[in-house]
Amino acid sequence: MGEAALRNDASFDTSIVRRLMARPLRLVETPIAEIVPLRPAAPAAESVESAEASADVVRLKAQLQVMKAVLRSERDETAHLRACIATIAESDAPLTPEAQAVRDRWAALVDQLLHAAR
């Protein structure tokens, strides 16, 4: 969604969107009814300054819409991952010795990283 916005509207600063898009996300599809395209107001007999201001407002609204979409997809992905972790944690099946060894190695690595001198 962010990539489409970057392709369609190159008039705003893309560094924030690119930073948010740097992490791969498994997006939950958003229904088309929720995506409302912005229509710039038709220029009337406004002064040049007010026309530039309205163009800035339209650009900022487009940026805000993209940021909200990216953050919504990130929240949905987080909720999905938490649900997956909850189903794994609720599993009553005992761990195999190999799985226990891997878990212990990861726990030791995390402890080492947390307690290492900075």
PDB file of N, CA and C in Angstrom:
ATOM      1  N   MET A   1       0.827  -1.172   0.000  1.00  0.00           N
ATOM      2  CA  MET A   1       0.000   0.000   0.000  1.00  0.00           C
ATOM      3  C   MET A   1       0.882   1.249   0.000  1.00  0.00           C
ATOM      4  N   GLY A   2       1.925   1.196   0.824  1.00  0.00           N
ATOM      5  CA  GLY A   2       2.856   2.320   0.876  1.00  0.00           C
ATOM      6  C   GLY A   2       3.588   2.491  -0.433  1.00  0.00           C
ATOM      7  N   GLU A   3       3.960   1.361  -1.070  1.00  0.00           N
ATOM      8  CA  GLU A   3       4.647   1.448  -2.352  1.00  0.00           C
ATOM      9  C   GLU A   3       3.754   2.070  -3.414  1.00  0.00           C
ATOM     10  N   ALA A   4       2.481   1.717  -3.409  1.00  0.00           N
ATOM     11  CA  ALA A   4       1.542   2.296  -4.371  1.00  0.00           C
ATOM     12  C   ALA A   4       1.410   3.794  -4.153  1.00  0.00           C
ATOM     13  N   ALA A   5       1.379   4.204  -2.897  1.00  0.00           N
ATOM     14  CA  ALA A   5       1.284   5.635  -2.608  1.00  0.00           C
ATOM     15  C   ALA A   5       2.538   6.359  -3.071  1.00  0.00           C
ATOM     16  N   LEU A   6       3.692   5.720  -2.911  1.00  0.00           N
ATOM     17  CA  LEU A   6       4.937   6.348  -3.354  1.00  0.00           C
ATOM     18  C   LEU A   6       4.978   6.491  -4.869  1.00  0.00           C
ATOM     19  N   ARG A   7       4.444   5.482  -5.572  1.00  0.00           N
ATOM     20  CA  ARG A   7       4.435   5.544  -7.038  1.00  0.00           C
ATOM     21  C   ARG A   7       3.474   6.607  -7.534  1.00  0.00           C
ATOM     22  N   ASN A   8       2.325   6.747  -6.857  1.00  0.00           N
ATOM     23  CA  ASN A   8       1.278   7.637  -7.345  1.00  0.00           C
ATOM     24  C   ASN A   8       1.491   9.093  -6.962  1.00  0.00           C
ATOM     25  N   ASP A   9       2.077   9.352  -5.815  1.00  0.00           N
ATOM     26  CA  ASP A   9       2.217  10.726  -5.352  1.00  0.00           C
ATOM     27  C   ASP A   9       3.654  10.954  -4.903  1.00  0.00           C
ATOM     28  N   ALA A  10       4.445  11.542  -5.777  1.00  0.00           N
ATOM     29  CA  ALA A  10       5.853  11.772  -5.469  1.00  0.00           C
ATOM     30  C   ALA A  10       6.082  13.163  -4.895  1.00  0.00           C
ATOM     31  N   SER A  11       5.019  13.855  -4.497  1.00  0.00           N
ATOM     32  CA  SER A  11       5.177  15.233  -4.039  1.00  0.00           C
ATOM     33  C   SER A  11       5.474  15.354  -2.554  1.00  0.00           C
ATOM     34  N   PHE A  12       5.507  14.238  -1.816  1.00  0.00           N
ATOM     35  CA  PHE A  12       5.778  14.362  -0.386  1.00  0.00           C
ATOM     36  C   PHE A  12       7.024  13.588  -0.007  1.00  0.00           C
ATOM     37  N   ASP A  13       7.527  13.915   1.169  1.00  0.00           N
ATOM     38  CA  ASP A  13       8.752  13.307   1.673  1.00  0.00           C
ATOM     39  C   ASP A  13       8.509  11.820   1.924  1.00  0.00           C
ATOM     40  N   THR A  14       9.299  10.968   1.304  1.00  0.00           N
ATOM     41  CA  THR A  14       9.065   9.527   1.371  1.00  0.00           C
ATOM     42  C   THR A  14       9.929   8.824   2.401  1.00  0.00           C
ATOM     43  N   SER A  15      10.746   9.525   3.120  1.00  0.00           N
ATOM     44  CA  SER A  15      11.673   8.865   4.038  1.00  0.00           C
ATOM     45  C   SER A  15      10.940   8.133   5.165  1.00  0.00           C
ATOM     46  N   ILE A  16       9.879   8.715   5.686  1.00  0.00           N
ATOM     47  CA  ILE A  16       9.146   8.071   6.776  1.00  0.00           C
ATOM     48  C   ILE A  16       8.475   6.797   6.279  1.00  0.00           C
ATOM     49  N   VAL A  17       7.836   6.871   5.131  1.00  0.00           N
ATOM     50  CA  VAL A  17       7.155   5.694   4.583  1.00  0.00           C
ATOM     51  C   VAL A  17       8.165   4.617   4.256  1.00  0.00           C
ATOM     52  N   ARG A  18       9.288   4.994   3.674  1.00  0.00           N
ATOM     53  CA  ARG A  18      10.318   4.002   3.339  1.00  0.00           C
ATOM     54  C   ARG A  18      10.858   3.329   4.599  1.00  0.00           C
ATOM     55  N   ARG A  19      11.008   4.092   5.682  1.00  0.00           N
ATOM     56  CA  ARG A  19      11.487   3.517   6.932  1.00  0.00           C
ATOM     57  C   ARG A  19      10.479   2.523   7.487  1.00  0.00           C
ATOM     58  N   LEU A  20       9.193   2.859   7.420  1.00  0.00           N
ATOM     59  CA  LEU A  20       8.168   1.946   7.904  1.00  0.00           C
ATOM     60  C   LEU A  20       8.039   0.716   7.013  1.00  0.00           C
ATOM     61  N   MET A  21       8.325   0.890   5.733  1.00  0.00           N
ATOM     62  CA  MET A  21       8.210  -0.230   4.801  1.00  0.00           C
ATOM     63  C   MET A  21       9.463  -1.100   4.802  1.00  0.00           C
ATOM     64  N   ALA A  22      10.511  -0.679   5.461  1.00  0.00           N
ATOM     65  CA  ALA A  22      11.760  -1.430   5.444  1.00  0.00           C
ATOM     66  C   ALA A  22      11.587  -2.809   6.052  1.00  0.00           C
ATOM     67  N   ARG A  23      10.726  -2.933   7.047  1.00  0.00           N
ATOM     68  CA  ARG A  23      10.466  -4.222   7.673  1.00  0.00           C
ATOM     69  C   ARG A  23       9.363  -4.923   6.902  1.00  0.00           C
ATOM     70  N   PRO A  24       9.578  -6.153   6.462  1.00  0.00           N
ATOM     71  CA  PRO A  24       8.527  -6.838   5.705  1.00  0.00           C
ATOM     72  C   PRO A  24       7.336  -7.151   6.606  1.00  0.00           C
ATOM     73  N   LEU A  25       6.177  -6.819   6.116  1.00  0.00           N
ATOM     74  CA  LEU A  25       4.947  -7.060   6.851  1.00  0.00           C
ATOM     75  C   LEU A  25       4.041  -7.963   6.027  1.00  0.00           C
ATOM     76  N   ARG A  26       3.365  -8.872   6.697  1.00  0.00           N
ATOM     77  CA  ARG A  26       2.331  -9.637   6.027  1.00  0.00           C
ATOM     78  C   ARG A  26       1.052  -8.855   6.244  1.00  0.00           C
ATOM     79  N   LEU A  27       0.601  -8.192   5.211  1.00  0.00           N
ATOM     80  CA  LEU A  27      -0.537  -7.302   5.334  1.00  0.00           C
ATOM     81  C   LEU A  27      -1.851  -8.065   5.277  1.00  0.00           C
ATOM     82  N   VAL A  28      -2.777  -7.652   6.102  1.00  0.00           N
ATOM     83  CA  VAL A  28      -4.137  -8.146   6.022  1.00  0.00           C
ATOM     84  C   VAL A  28      -4.842  -7.230   5.036  1.00  0.00           C
ATOM     85  N   GLU A  29      -5.491  -7.826   4.052  1.00  0.00           N
ATOM     86  CA  GLU A  29      -6.097  -7.009   3.010  1.00  0.00           C
ATOM     87  C   GLU A  29      -7.178  -6.111   3.583  1.00  0.00           C
ATOM     88  N   THR A  30      -7.137  -4.845   3.164  1.00  0.00           N
ATOM     89  CA  THR A  30      -8.116  -3.863   3.596  1.00  0.00           C
ATOM     90  C   THR A  30      -9.211  -3.783   2.543  1.00  0.00           C
ATOM     91  N   PRO A  31     -10.469  -3.855   2.943  1.00  0.00           N
ATOM     92  CA  PRO A  31     -11.539  -3.735   1.947  1.00  0.00           C
ATOM     93  C   PRO A  31     -11.458  -2.408   1.221  1.00  0.00           C
ATOM     94  N   ILE A  32     -11.806  -2.414  -0.043  1.00  0.00           N
ATOM     95  CA  ILE A  32     -11.696  -1.213  -0.872  1.00  0.00           C
ATOM     96  C   ILE A  32     -12.583  -0.106  -0.337  1.00  0.00           C
ATOM     97  N   ALA A  33     -13.674  -0.451   0.330  1.00  0.00           N
ATOM     98  CA  ALA A  33     -14.581   0.575   0.856  1.00  0.00           C
ATOM     99  C   ALA A  33     -13.898   1.451   1.896  1.00  0.00           C
ATOM    100  N   GLU A  34     -12.875   0.933   2.577  1.00  0.00           N
ATOM    101  CA  GLU A  34     -12.183   1.715   3.599  1.00  0.00           C
ATOM    102  C   GLU A  34     -11.180   2.699   3.013  1.00  0.00           C
ATOM    103  N   ILE A  35     -10.743   2.463   1.799  1.00  0.00           N
ATOM    104  CA  ILE A  35      -9.754   3.336   1.173  1.00  0.00           C
ATOM    105  C   ILE A  35     -10.500   4.440   0.429  1.00  0.00           C
ATOM    106  N   VAL A  36     -10.351   5.657   0.902  1.00  0.00           N
ATOM    107  CA  VAL A  36     -11.048   6.789   0.302  1.00  0.00           C
ATOM    108  C   VAL A  36     -10.016   7.675  -0.365  1.00  0.00           C
ATOM    109  N   PRO A  37     -10.080   7.805  -1.692  1.00  0.00           N
ATOM    110  CA  PRO A  37      -9.092   8.666  -2.354  1.00  0.00           C
ATOM    111  C   PRO A  37      -9.361  10.143  -2.056  1.00  0.00           C
ATOM    112  N   LEU A  38      -8.283  10.888  -1.944  1.00  0.00           N
ATOM    113  CA  LEU A  38      -8.408  12.325  -1.712  1.00  0.00           C
ATOM    114  C   LEU A  38      -8.573  13.031  -3.043  1.00  0.00           C
ATOM    115  N   ARG A  39      -9.521  13.952  -3.077  1.00  0.00           N
ATOM    116  CA  ARG A  39      -9.719  14.739  -4.288  1.00  0.00           C
ATOM    117  C   ARG A  39      -9.335  16.179  -3.968  1.00  0.00           C
ATOM    118  N   PRO A  40      -8.355  16.704  -4.689  1.00  0.00           N
ATOM    119  CA  PRO A  40      -7.994  18.099  -4.406  1.00  0.00           C
ATOM    120  C   PRO A  40      -9.133  19.034  -4.802  1.00  0.00           C
ATOM    121  N   ALA A  41      -9.306  20.081  -4.015  1.00  0.00           N
ATOM    122  CA  ALA A  41     -10.360  21.054  -4.292  1.00  0.00           C
ATOM    123  C   ALA A  41     -10.061  21.787  -5.586  1.00  0.00           C
ATOM    124  N   ALA A  42     -11.103  22.078  -6.326  1.00  0.00           N
ATOM    125  CA  ALA A  42     -10.928  22.808  -7.584  1.00  0.00           C
ATOM    126  C   ALA A  42     -10.504  24.236  -7.264  1.00  0.00           C
ATOM    127  N   PRO A  43      -9.467  24.713  -7.952  1.00  0.00           N
ATOM    128  CA  PRO A  43      -8.998  26.071  -7.651  1.00  0.00           C
ATOM    129  C   PRO A  43     -10.026  27.115  -8.079  1.00  0.00           C
ATOM    130  N   ALA A  44     -10.400  27.960  -7.152  1.00  0.00           N
ATOM    131  CA  ALA A  44     -11.324  29.052  -7.450  1.00  0.00           C
ATOM    132  C   ALA A  44     -10.495  30.321  -7.645  1.00  0.00           C
ATOM    133  N   ALA A  45     -11.100  31.445  -7.439  1.00  0.00           N
ATOM    134  CA  ALA A  45     -10.400  32.717  -7.602  1.00  0.00           C
ATOM    135  C   ALA A  45      -9.642  33.027  -6.316  1.00  0.00           C
ATOM    136  N   GLU A  46      -8.757  32.103  -5.929  1.00  0.00           N
ATOM    137  CA  GLU A  46      -7.974  32.285  -4.708  1.00  0.00           C
ATOM    138  C   GLU A  46      -6.654  32.956  -5.053  1.00  0.00           C
ATOM    139  N   SER A  47      -6.045  33.489  -4.039  1.00  0.00           N
ATOM    140  CA  SER A  47      -4.726  34.060  -4.246  1.00  0.00           C
ATOM    141  C   SER A  47      -3.715  32.931  -4.376  1.00  0.00           C
ATOM    142  N   VAL A  48      -2.537  33.242  -4.808  1.00  0.00           N
ATOM    143  CA  VAL A  48      -1.490  32.245  -4.997  1.00  0.00           C
ATOM    144  C   VAL A  48      -1.106  31.612  -3.658  1.00  0.00           C
ATOM    145  N   GLU A  49      -1.058  32.414  -2.617  1.00  0.00           N
ATOM    146  CA  GLU A  49      -0.688  31.889  -1.297  1.00  0.00           C
ATOM    147  C   GLU A  49      -1.712  30.889  -0.777  1.00  0.00           C
ATOM    148  N   SER A  50      -2.986  31.186  -0.926  1.00  0.00           N
ATOM    149  CA  SER A  50      -4.001  30.252  -0.435  1.00  0.00           C
ATOM    150  C   SER A  50      -4.042  28.991  -1.292  1.00  0.00           C
ATOM    151  N   ALA A  51      -3.731  29.096  -2.581  1.00  0.00           N
ATOM    152  CA  ALA A  51      -3.671  27.915  -3.447  1.00  0.00           C
ATOM    153  C   ALA A  51      -2.517  27.018  -3.021  1.00  0.00           C
ATOM    154  N   GLU A  52      -1.376  27.618  -2.708  1.00  0.00           N
ATOM    155  CA  GLU A  52      -0.233  26.841  -2.229  1.00  0.00           C
ATOM    156  C   GLU A  52      -0.544  26.201  -0.879  1.00  0.00           C
ATOM    157  N   ALA A  53      -1.246  26.946  -0.015  1.00  0.00           N
ATOM    158  CA  ALA A  53      -1.609  26.403   1.291  1.00  0.00           C
ATOM    159  C   ALA A  53      -2.568  25.225   1.142  1.00  0.00           C
ATOM    160  N   SER A  54      -3.541  25.334   0.241  1.00  0.00           N
ATOM    161  CA  SER A  54      -4.479  24.225   0.058  1.00  0.00           C
ATOM    162  C   SER A  54      -3.769  23.023  -0.561  1.00  0.00           C
ATOM    163  N   ALA A  55      -2.800  23.261  -1.426  1.00  0.00           N
ATOM    164  CA  ALA A  55      -2.021  22.154  -1.991  1.00  0.00           C
ATOM    165  C   ALA A  55      -1.209  21.465  -0.897  1.00  0.00           C
ATOM    166  N   ASP A  56      -0.678  22.257   0.020  1.00  0.00           N
ATOM    167  CA  ASP A  56       0.054  21.675   1.154  1.00  0.00           C
ATOM    168  C   ASP A  56      -0.872  20.852   2.039  1.00  0.00           C
ATOM    169  N   VAL A  57      -2.076  21.347   2.255  1.00  0.00           N
ATOM    170  CA  VAL A  57      -3.043  20.616   3.077  1.00  0.00           C
ATOM    171  C   VAL A  57      -3.401  19.289   2.414  1.00  0.00           C
ATOM    172  N   VAL A  58      -3.621  19.296   1.112  1.00  0.00           N
ATOM    173  CA  VAL A  58      -3.945  18.063   0.387  1.00  0.00           C
ATOM    174  C   VAL A  58      -2.772  17.091   0.468  1.00  0.00           C
ATOM    175  N   ARG A  59      -1.560  17.593   0.303  1.00  0.00           N
ATOM    176  CA  ARG A  59      -0.373  16.744   0.385  1.00  0.00           C
ATOM    177  C   ARG A  59      -0.230  16.149   1.780  1.00  0.00           C
ATOM    178  N   LEU A  60      -0.447  16.968   2.816  1.00  0.00           N
ATOM    179  CA  LEU A  60      -0.351  16.478   4.186  1.00  0.00           C
ATOM    180  C   LEU A  60      -1.444  15.455   4.497  1.00  0.00           C
ATOM    181  N   LYS A  61      -2.651  15.671   3.959  1.00  0.00           N
ATOM    182  CA  LYS A  61      -3.714  14.693   4.162  1.00  0.00           C
ATOM    183  C   LYS A  61      -3.362  13.361   3.492  1.00  0.00           C
ATOM    184  N   ALA A  62      -2.750  13.418   2.312  1.00  0.00           N
ATOM    185  CA  ALA A  62      -2.330  12.189   1.636  1.00  0.00           C
ATOM    186  C   ALA A  62      -1.257  11.470   2.440  1.00  0.00           C
ATOM    187  N   GLN A  63      -0.299  12.231   2.982  1.00  0.00           N
ATOM    188  CA  GLN A  63       0.733  11.628   3.819  1.00  0.00           C
ATOM    189  C   GLN A  63       0.125  10.985   5.058  1.00  0.00           C
ATOM    190  N   LEU A  64      -0.821  11.666   5.677  1.00  0.00           N
ATOM    191  CA  LEU A  64      -1.471  11.148   6.869  1.00  0.00           C
ATOM    192  C   LEU A  64      -2.232   9.863   6.562  1.00  0.00           C
ATOM    193  N   GLN A  65      -2.896   9.819   5.415  1.00  0.00           N
ATOM    194  CA  GLN A  65      -3.641   8.634   5.032  1.00  0.00           C
ATOM    195  C   GLN A  65      -2.700   7.450   4.820  1.00  0.00           C
ATOM    196  N   VAL A  66      -1.558   7.685   4.192  1.00  0.00           N
ATOM    197  CA  VAL A  66      -0.579   6.614   3.977  1.00  0.00           C
ATOM    198  C   VAL A  66      -0.029   6.133   5.315  1.00  0.00           C
ATOM    199  N   MET A  67       0.313   7.058   6.206  1.00  0.00           N
ATOM    200  CA  MET A  67       0.854   6.677   7.503  1.00  0.00           C
ATOM    201  C   MET A  67      -0.166   5.883   8.320  1.00  0.00           C
ATOM    202  N   LYS A  68      -1.423   6.287   8.278  1.00  0.00           N
ATOM    203  CA  LYS A  68      -2.460   5.550   9.000  1.00  0.00           C
ATOM    204  C   LYS A  68      -2.611   4.146   8.444  1.00  0.00           C
ATOM    205  N   ALA A  69      -2.542   4.016   7.126  1.00  0.00           N
ATOM    206  CA  ALA A  69      -2.660   2.685   6.515  1.00  0.00           C
ATOM    207  C   ALA A  69      -1.490   1.796   6.906  1.00  0.00           C
ATOM    208  N   VAL A  70      -0.293   2.357   6.911  1.00  0.00           N
ATOM    209  CA  VAL A  70       0.890   1.578   7.287  1.00  0.00           C
ATOM    210  C   VAL A  70       0.802   1.169   8.751  1.00  0.00           C
ATOM    211  N   LEU A  71       0.431   2.085   9.616  1.00  0.00           N
ATOM    212  CA  LEU A  71       0.324   1.770  11.042  1.00  0.00           C
ATOM    213  C   LEU A  71      -0.801   0.768  11.315  1.00  0.00           C
ATOM    214  N   ARG A  72      -1.922   0.886  10.579  1.00  0.00           N
ATOM    215  CA  ARG A  72      -3.013  -0.073  10.745  1.00  0.00           C
ATOM    216  C   ARG A  72      -2.557  -1.474  10.350  1.00  0.00           C
ATOM    217  N   SER A  73      -1.822  -1.576   9.259  1.00  0.00           N
ATOM    218  CA  SER A  73      -1.339  -2.895   8.834  1.00  0.00           C
ATOM    219  C   SER A  73      -0.333  -3.448   9.838  1.00  0.00           C
ATOM    220  N   GLU A  74       0.479  -2.582  10.417  1.00  0.00           N
ATOM    221  CA  GLU A  74       1.433  -3.037  11.435  1.00  0.00           C
ATOM    222  C   GLU A  74       0.701  -3.531  12.686  1.00  0.00           C
ATOM    223  N   ARG A  75      -0.354  -2.817  13.107  1.00  0.00           N
ATOM    224  CA  ARG A  75      -1.151  -3.273  14.256  1.00  0.00           C
ATOM    225  C   ARG A  75      -1.814  -4.616  13.964  1.00  0.00           C
ATOM    226  N   ASP A  76      -2.363  -4.761  12.755  1.00  0.00           N
ATOM    227  CA  ASP A  76      -2.997  -6.034  12.390  1.00  0.00           C
ATOM    228  C   ASP A  76      -1.984  -7.173  12.398  1.00  0.00           C
ATOM    229  N   GLU A  77      -0.795  -6.919  11.880  1.00  0.00           N
ATOM    230  CA  GLU A  77       0.250  -7.943  11.858  1.00  0.00           C
ATOM    231  C   GLU A  77       0.679  -8.305  13.272  1.00  0.00           C
ATOM    232  N   THR A  78       0.791  -7.311  14.145  1.00  0.00           N
ATOM    233  CA  THR A  78       1.161  -7.573  15.536  1.00  0.00           C
ATOM    234  C   THR A  78       0.099  -8.423  16.227  1.00  0.00           C
ATOM    235  N   ALA A  79      -1.160  -8.101  15.999  1.00  0.00           N
ATOM    236  CA  ALA A  79      -2.237  -8.893  16.597  1.00  0.00           C
ATOM    237  C   ALA A  79      -2.205 -10.325  16.072  1.00  0.00           C
ATOM    238  N   HIS A  80      -1.937 -10.489  14.791  1.00  0.00           N
ATOM    239  CA  HIS A  80      -1.857 -11.831  14.208  1.00  0.00           C
ATOM    240  C   HIS A  80      -0.700 -12.618  14.819  1.00  0.00           C
ATOM    241  N   LEU A  81       0.464 -11.984  14.961  1.00  0.00           N
ATOM    242  CA  LEU A  81       1.615 -12.660  15.549  1.00  0.00           C
ATOM    243  C   LEU A  81       1.357 -13.026  17.013  1.00  0.00           C
ATOM    244  N   ARG A  82       0.717 -12.136  17.763  1.00  0.00           N
ATOM    245  CA  ARG A  82       0.392 -12.440  19.159  1.00  0.00           C
ATOM    246  C   ARG A  82      -0.569 -13.623  19.253  1.00  0.00           C
ATOM    247  N   ALA A  83      -1.519 -13.688  18.333  1.00  0.00           N
ATOM    248  CA  ALA A  83      -2.454 -14.822  18.325  1.00  0.00           C
ATOM    249  C   ALA A  83      -1.720 -16.125  18.013  1.00  0.00           C
ATOM    250  N   CYS A  84      -0.780 -16.069  17.077  1.00  0.00           N
ATOM    251  CA  CYS A  84       0.016 -17.267  16.749  1.00  0.00           C
ATOM    252  C   CYS A  84       0.854 -17.708  17.946  1.00  0.00           C
ATOM    253  N   ILE A  85       1.467 -16.756  18.617  1.00  0.00           N
ATOM    254  CA  ILE A  85       2.293 -17.080  19.783  1.00  0.00           C
ATOM    255  C   ILE A  85       1.424 -17.652  20.897  1.00  0.00           C
ATOM    256  N   ALA A  86       0.218 -17.110  21.062  1.00  0.00           N
ATOM    257  CA  ALA A  86      -0.681 -17.610  22.107  1.00  0.00           C
ATOM    258  C   ALA A  86      -1.083 -19.056  21.827  1.00  0.00           C
ATOM    259  N   THR A  87      -1.325 -19.393  20.564  1.00  0.00           N
ATOM    260  CA  THR A  87      -1.697 -20.781  20.247  1.00  0.00           C
ATOM    261  C   THR A  87      -0.518 -21.721  20.474  1.00  0.00           C
ATOM    262  N   ILE A  88       0.679 -21.251  20.193  1.00  0.00           N
ATOM    263  CA  ILE A  88       1.863 -22.085  20.434  1.00  0.00           C
ATOM    264  C   ILE A  88       2.094 -22.247  21.935  1.00  0.00           C
ATOM    265  N   ALA A  89       1.925 -21.174  22.689  1.00  0.00           N
ATOM    266  CA  ALA A  89       2.151 -21.218  24.133  1.00  0.00           C
ATOM    267  C   ALA A  89       1.117 -22.088  24.841  1.00  0.00           C
ATOM    268  N   GLU A  90      -0.082 -22.158  24.315  1.00  0.00           N
ATOM    269  CA  GLU A  90      -1.135 -22.950  24.939  1.00  0.00           C
ATOM    270  C   GLU A  90      -1.028 -24.429  24.609  1.00  0.00           C
ATOM    271  N   SER A  91      -0.134 -24.772  23.727  1.00  0.00           N
ATOM    272  CA  SER A  91       0.023 -26.162  23.327  1.00  0.00           C
ATOM    273  C   SER A  91       0.458 -27.005  24.526  1.00  0.00           C
ATOM    274  N   ASP A  92      -0.182 -28.160  24.702  1.00  0.00           N
ATOM    275  CA  ASP A  92       0.133 -29.042  25.826  1.00  0.00           C
ATOM    276  C   ASP A  92       1.173 -30.095  25.468  1.00  0.00           C
ATOM    277  N   ALA A  93       1.591 -30.117  24.211  1.00  0.00           N
ATOM    278  CA  ALA A  93       2.553 -31.132  23.789  1.00  0.00           C
ATOM    279  C   ALA A  93       3.922 -30.836  24.403  1.00  0.00           C
ATOM    280  N   PRO A  94       4.584 -31.840  24.965  1.00  0.00           N
ATOM    281  CA  PRO A  94       5.914 -31.612  25.550  1.00  0.00           C
ATOM    282  C   PRO A  94       6.949 -31.369  24.452  1.00  0.00           C
ATOM    283  N   LEU A  95       7.960 -30.604  24.808  1.00  0.00           N
ATOM    284  CA  LEU A  95       9.022 -30.307  23.848  1.00  0.00           C
ATOM    285  C   LEU A  95       9.948 -31.502  23.690  1.00  0.00           C
ATOM    286  N   THR A  96      10.434 -31.664  22.487  1.00  0.00           N
ATOM    287  CA  THR A  96      11.428 -32.713  22.252  1.00  0.00           C
ATOM    288  C   THR A  96      12.749 -32.262  22.857  1.00  0.00           C
ATOM    289  N   PRO A  97      13.666 -33.162  23.112  1.00  0.00           N
ATOM    290  CA  PRO A  97      14.972 -32.754  23.661  1.00  0.00           C
ATOM    291  C   PRO A  97      15.701 -31.766  22.748  1.00  0.00           C
ATOM    292  N   GLU A  98      15.563 -31.938  21.447  1.00  0.00           N
ATOM    293  CA  GLU A  98      16.217 -31.006  20.512  1.00  0.00           C
ATOM    294  C   GLU A  98      15.614 -29.616  20.634  1.00  0.00           C
ATOM    295  N   ALA A  99      14.293 -29.534  20.732  1.00  0.00           N
ATOM    296  CA  ALA A  99      13.630 -28.239  20.873  1.00  0.00           C
ATOM    297  C   ALA A  99      13.998 -27.578  22.194  1.00  0.00           C
ATOM    298  N   GLN A 100      14.121 -28.369  23.260  1.00  0.00           N
ATOM    299  CA  GLN A 100      14.536 -27.817  24.547  1.00  0.00           C
ATOM    300  C   GLN A 100      15.956 -27.270  24.474  1.00  0.00           C
ATOM    301  N   ALA A 101      16.848 -27.966  23.752  1.00  0.00           N
ATOM    302  CA  ALA A 101      18.233 -27.503  23.612  1.00  0.00           C
ATOM    303  C   ALA A 101      18.277 -26.190  22.843  1.00  0.00           C
ATOM    304  N   VAL A 102      17.483 -26.097  21.780  1.00  0.00           N
ATOM    305  CA  VAL A 102      17.447 -24.850  20.998  1.00  0.00           C
ATOM    306  C   VAL A 102      16.905 -23.714  21.849  1.00  0.00           C
ATOM    307  N   ARG A 103      15.832 -23.977  22.607  1.00  0.00           N
ATOM    308  CA  ARG A 103      15.255 -22.954  23.473  1.00  0.00           C
ATOM    309  C   ARG A 103      16.263 -22.495  24.518  1.00  0.00           C
ATOM    310  N   ASP A 104      16.999 -23.443  25.105  1.00  0.00           N
ATOM    311  CA  ASP A 104      18.001 -23.087  26.114  1.00  0.00           C
ATOM    312  C   ASP A 104      19.138 -22.262  25.522  1.00  0.00           C
ATOM    313  N   ARG A 105      19.565 -22.617  24.293  1.00  0.00           N
ATOM    314  CA  ARG A 105      20.631 -21.825  23.638  1.00  0.00           C
ATOM    315  C   ARG A 105      20.165 -20.404  23.394  1.00  0.00           C
ATOM    316  N   TRP A 106      18.926 -20.243  22.915  1.00  0.00           N
ATOM    317  CA  TRP A 106      18.414 -18.899  22.667  1.00  0.00           C
ATOM    318  C   TRP A 106      18.283 -18.125  23.975  1.00  0.00           C
ATOM    319  N   ALA A 107      17.826 -18.771  25.012  1.00  0.00           N
ATOM    320  CA  ALA A 107      17.697 -18.096  26.306  1.00  0.00           C
ATOM    321  C   ALA A 107      19.064 -17.651  26.821  1.00  0.00           C
ATOM    322  N   ALA A 108      20.085 -18.510  26.653  1.00  0.00           N
ATOM    323  CA  ALA A 108      21.442 -18.144  27.079  1.00  0.00           C
ATOM    324  C   ALA A 108      21.964 -16.968  26.266  1.00  0.00           C
ATOM    325  N   LEU A 109      21.694 -16.970  24.958  1.00  0.00           N
ATOM    326  CA  LEU A 109      22.142 -15.863  24.103  1.00  0.00           C
ATOM    327  C   LEU A 109      21.468 -14.558  24.510  1.00  0.00           C
ATOM    328  N   VAL A 110      20.169 -14.604  24.768  1.00  0.00           N
ATOM    329  CA  VAL A 110      19.454 -13.391  25.184  1.00  0.00           C
ATOM    330  C   VAL A 110      19.986 -12.891  26.517  1.00  0.00           C
ATOM    331  N   ASP A 111      20.210 -13.792  27.461  1.00  0.00           N
ATOM    332  CA  ASP A 111      20.766 -13.386  28.744  1.00  0.00           C
ATOM    333  C   ASP A 111      22.146 -12.740  28.579  1.00  0.00           C
ATOM    334  N   GLN A 112      22.955 -13.345  27.727  1.00  0.00           N
ATOM    335  CA  GLN A 112      24.295 -12.801  27.484  1.00  0.00           C
ATOM    336  C   GLN A 112      24.213 -11.409  26.884  1.00  0.00           C
ATOM    337  N   LEU A 113      23.313 -11.204  25.929  1.00  0.00           N
ATOM    338  CA  LEU A 113      23.168  -9.892  25.309  1.00  0.00           C
ATOM    339  C   LEU A 113      22.607  -8.853  26.288  1.00  0.00           C
ATOM    340  N   LEU A 114      21.691  -9.279  27.147  1.00  0.00           N
ATOM    341  CA  LEU A 114      21.122  -8.343  28.103  1.00  0.00           C
ATOM    342  C   LEU A 114      22.100  -7.926  29.186  1.00  0.00           C
ATOM    343  N   HIS A 115      22.943  -8.858  29.591  1.00  0.00           N
ATOM    344  CA  HIS A 115      23.870  -8.569  30.692  1.00  0.00           C
ATOM    345  C   HIS A 115      25.265  -8.172  30.233  1.00  0.00           C
ATOM    346  N   ALA A 116      25.477  -8.067  28.935  1.00  0.00           N
ATOM    347  CA  ALA A 116      26.787  -7.667  28.419  1.00  0.00           C
ATOM    348  C   ALA A 116      27.031  -6.186  28.727  1.00  0.00           C
ATOM    349  N   ALA A 117      28.284  -5.865  28.953  1.00  0.00           N
ATOM    350  CA  ALA A 117      28.656  -4.472  29.227  1.00  0.00           C
ATOM    351  C   ALA A 117      28.522  -3.664  27.950  1.00  0.00           C
ATOM    352  N   ARG A 118      28.008  -2.489  28.088  1.00  0.00           N
ATOM    353  CA  ARG A 118      27.825  -1.627  26.901  1.00  0.00           C
ATOM    354  C   ARG A 118      28.994  -0.745  26.709  1.00  0.00           C
TER     355      ARG A 118
END
